Amino acid sequence: MLADCARIRHYSTLHVAPLIEVPAAAVLGNAAAFLRPRREQVARNRAIGLAGALQEWNG
C-alpha cells in the first residue's frame, strides 16, 4: 500500500502546476478540516434531494 501511495504522489507531483502544489499540500496536511464543511454540505444536499424526490414520488 505504501508503494501505491508513493506512486500516486509521484504521479501527482509530475502533473500538478507548482503554484497549486503548495495549497494542495496544505489541504492534504489538514484533510479533516478541509473535508468537514464539504461533508456537511453533502449531507444537506442529500437531504434536500431526498425530500424533493419523496415529494415527487408522493405527488
N, C-alpha and C. Protein backbone atom coordinates (compact mmCIF):
# COMPACT_ATOMS: atom_id res chain seq x y z
N MET A 1 0.82 -1.18 0.00
CA MET A 1 0.00 0.00 0.00
C MET A 1 0.87 1.26 0.00
N LEU A 2 1.94 1.22 0.76
CA LEU A 2 2.83 2.37 0.81
C LEU A 2 3.43 2.66 -0.56
N ALA A 3 3.79 1.62 -1.29
CA ALA A 3 4.33 1.80 -2.64
C ALA A 3 3.30 2.44 -3.55
N ASP A 4 2.03 2.05 -3.42
CA ASP A 4 0.97 2.65 -4.22
C ASP A 4 0.82 4.13 -3.90
N CYS A 5 0.88 4.47 -2.61
CA CYS A 5 0.78 5.88 -2.22
C CYS A 5 1.95 6.69 -2.77
N ALA A 6 3.12 6.13 -2.72
CA ALA A 6 4.30 6.82 -3.26
C ALA A 6 4.16 7.01 -4.76
N ARG A 7 3.64 6.01 -5.44
CA ARG A 7 3.44 6.11 -6.88
C ARG A 7 2.43 7.21 -7.20
N ILE A 8 1.33 7.26 -6.44
CA ILE A 8 0.32 8.30 -6.65
C ILE A 8 0.92 9.66 -6.39
N ARG A 9 1.70 9.78 -5.33
CA ARG A 9 2.35 11.06 -5.00
C ARG A 9 3.29 11.47 -6.13
N HIS A 10 4.06 10.53 -6.62
CA HIS A 10 4.98 10.83 -7.70
C HIS A 10 4.21 11.28 -8.94
N TYR A 11 3.15 10.59 -9.28
CA TYR A 11 2.34 10.94 -10.45
C TYR A 11 1.73 12.33 -10.29
N SER A 12 1.16 12.61 -9.11
CA SER A 12 0.50 13.90 -8.92
C SER A 12 1.52 15.04 -8.91
N THR A 13 2.70 14.80 -8.39
CA THR A 13 3.72 15.83 -8.38
C THR A 13 4.16 16.18 -9.80
N LEU A 14 4.23 15.19 -10.64
CA LEU A 14 4.65 15.44 -12.02
C LEU A 14 3.58 16.13 -12.84
N HIS A 15 2.33 16.06 -12.42
CA HIS A 15 1.24 16.59 -13.23
C HIS A 15 0.49 17.74 -12.58
N VAL A 16 1.07 18.36 -11.57
CA VAL A 16 0.43 19.48 -10.90
C VAL A 16 1.33 20.70 -11.05
N ALA A 17 0.71 21.83 -11.39
CA ALA A 17 1.47 23.08 -11.52
C ALA A 17 2.08 23.44 -10.17
N PRO A 18 3.28 24.00 -10.17
CA PRO A 18 3.94 24.37 -8.90
C PRO A 18 3.10 25.32 -8.04
N LEU A 19 2.34 26.21 -8.66
CA LEU A 19 1.52 27.14 -7.88
C LEU A 19 0.38 26.44 -7.15
N ILE A 20 0.00 25.29 -7.62
CA ILE A 20 -1.08 24.53 -7.00
C ILE A 20 -0.54 23.59 -5.92
N GLU A 21 0.70 23.21 -6.02
CA GLU A 21 1.24 22.21 -5.11
C GLU A 21 1.28 22.70 -3.66
N VAL A 22 1.58 23.96 -3.42
CA VAL A 22 1.66 24.47 -2.05
C VAL A 22 0.28 24.43 -1.37
N PRO A 23 -0.78 25.00 -1.98
CA PRO A 23 -2.08 24.89 -1.31
C PRO A 23 -2.57 23.44 -1.23
N ALA A 24 -2.25 22.63 -2.22
CA ALA A 24 -2.66 21.22 -2.19
C ALA A 24 -1.98 20.51 -1.02
N ALA A 25 -0.73 20.79 -0.79
CA ALA A 25 -0.01 20.18 0.33
C ALA A 25 -0.63 20.62 1.66
N ALA A 26 -1.05 21.89 1.74
CA ALA A 26 -1.69 22.38 2.96
C ALA A 26 -3.02 21.66 3.20
N VAL A 27 -3.78 21.46 2.14
CA VAL A 27 -5.05 20.75 2.25
C VAL A 27 -4.82 19.31 2.68
N LEU A 28 -3.86 18.64 2.05
CA LEU A 28 -3.58 17.26 2.40
C LEU A 28 -3.06 17.13 3.83
N GLY A 29 -2.35 18.14 4.28
CA GLY A 29 -1.83 18.12 5.64
C GLY A 29 -2.90 18.30 6.69
N ASN A 30 -4.05 18.87 6.30
CA ASN A 30 -5.15 19.09 7.23
C ASN A 30 -6.45 18.67 6.57
N ALA A 31 -6.47 17.46 6.05
CA ALA A 31 -7.59 16.97 5.26
C ALA A 31 -8.90 16.96 6.03
N ALA A 32 -8.86 16.61 7.30
CA ALA A 32 -10.10 16.53 8.09
C ALA A 32 -10.80 17.89 8.15
N ALA A 33 -10.04 18.94 8.40
CA ALA A 33 -10.62 20.28 8.46
C ALA A 33 -11.12 20.74 7.09
N PHE A 34 -10.44 20.33 6.04
CA PHE A 34 -10.85 20.69 4.69
C PHE A 34 -12.13 19.95 4.29
N LEU A 35 -12.22 18.68 4.66
CA LEU A 35 -13.36 17.86 4.26
C LEU A 35 -14.61 18.08 5.10
N ARG A 36 -14.45 18.48 6.35
CA ARG A 36 -15.59 18.60 7.27
C ARG A 36 -16.72 19.46 6.68
N PRO A 37 -16.47 20.71 6.26
CA PRO A 37 -17.59 21.51 5.73
C PRO A 37 -18.16 20.94 4.43
N ARG A 38 -17.32 20.29 3.64
CA ARG A 38 -17.81 19.70 2.40
C ARG A 38 -18.72 18.50 2.68
N ARG A 39 -18.36 17.71 3.66
CA ARG A 39 -19.22 16.57 4.05
C ARG A 39 -20.54 17.06 4.61
N GLU A 40 -20.49 18.15 5.39
CA GLU A 40 -21.72 18.72 5.92
C GLU A 40 -22.61 19.22 4.78
N GLN A 41 -22.00 19.85 3.78
CA GLN A 41 -22.76 20.33 2.63
C GLN A 41 -23.36 19.17 1.85
N VAL A 42 -22.60 18.09 1.70
CA VAL A 42 -23.11 16.90 1.02
C VAL A 42 -24.33 16.36 1.76
N ALA A 43 -24.26 16.32 3.07
CA ALA A 43 -25.38 15.82 3.86
C ALA A 43 -26.61 16.71 3.67
N ARG A 44 -26.41 18.03 3.67
CA ARG A 44 -27.54 18.95 3.44
C ARG A 44 -28.10 18.76 2.04
N ASN A 45 -27.23 18.67 1.04
CA ASN A 45 -27.69 18.48 -0.34
C ASN A 45 -28.45 17.17 -0.50
N ARG A 46 -27.96 16.14 0.16
CA ARG A 46 -28.63 14.83 0.09
C ARG A 46 -30.02 14.92 0.69
N ALA A 47 -30.14 15.57 1.83
CA ALA A 47 -31.45 15.72 2.48
C ALA A 47 -32.41 16.50 1.59
N ILE A 48 -31.93 17.56 0.96
CA ILE A 48 -32.77 18.35 0.05
C ILE A 48 -33.19 17.51 -1.14
N GLY A 49 -32.25 16.77 -1.71
CA GLY A 49 -32.55 15.92 -2.86
C GLY A 49 -33.55 14.82 -2.51
N LEU A 50 -33.35 14.19 -1.36
CA LEU A 50 -34.28 13.13 -0.94
C LEU A 50 -35.67 13.70 -0.68
N ALA A 51 -35.74 14.86 -0.05
CA ALA A 51 -37.04 15.49 0.22
C ALA A 51 -37.75 15.79 -1.09
N GLY A 52 -37.02 16.32 -2.06
CA GLY A 52 -37.61 16.61 -3.37
C GLY A 52 -38.09 15.36 -4.06
N ALA A 53 -37.27 14.31 -4.00
CA ALA A 53 -37.64 13.05 -4.64
C ALA A 53 -38.88 12.46 -3.98
N LEU A 54 -38.94 12.49 -2.65
CA LEU A 54 -40.12 11.98 -1.94
C LEU A 54 -41.37 12.78 -2.28
N GLN A 55 -41.21 14.08 -2.40
CA GLN A 55 -42.34 14.94 -2.75
C GLN A 55 -42.85 14.59 -4.15
N GLU A 56 -41.94 14.39 -5.09
CA GLU A 56 -42.34 13.99 -6.44
C GLU A 56 -42.98 12.62 -6.43
N TRP A 57 -42.43 11.70 -5.67
CA TRP A 57 -42.92 10.32 -5.63
C TRP A 57 -44.32 10.26 -5.05
N ASN A 58 -44.53 11.05 -3.97
CA ASN A 58 -45.82 11.03 -3.29
C ASN A 58 -46.86 11.95 -3.93
N GLY A 59 -46.43 12.75 -4.88
CA GLY A 59 -47.35 13.63 -5.62
C GLY A 59 -47.71 14.80 -4.81
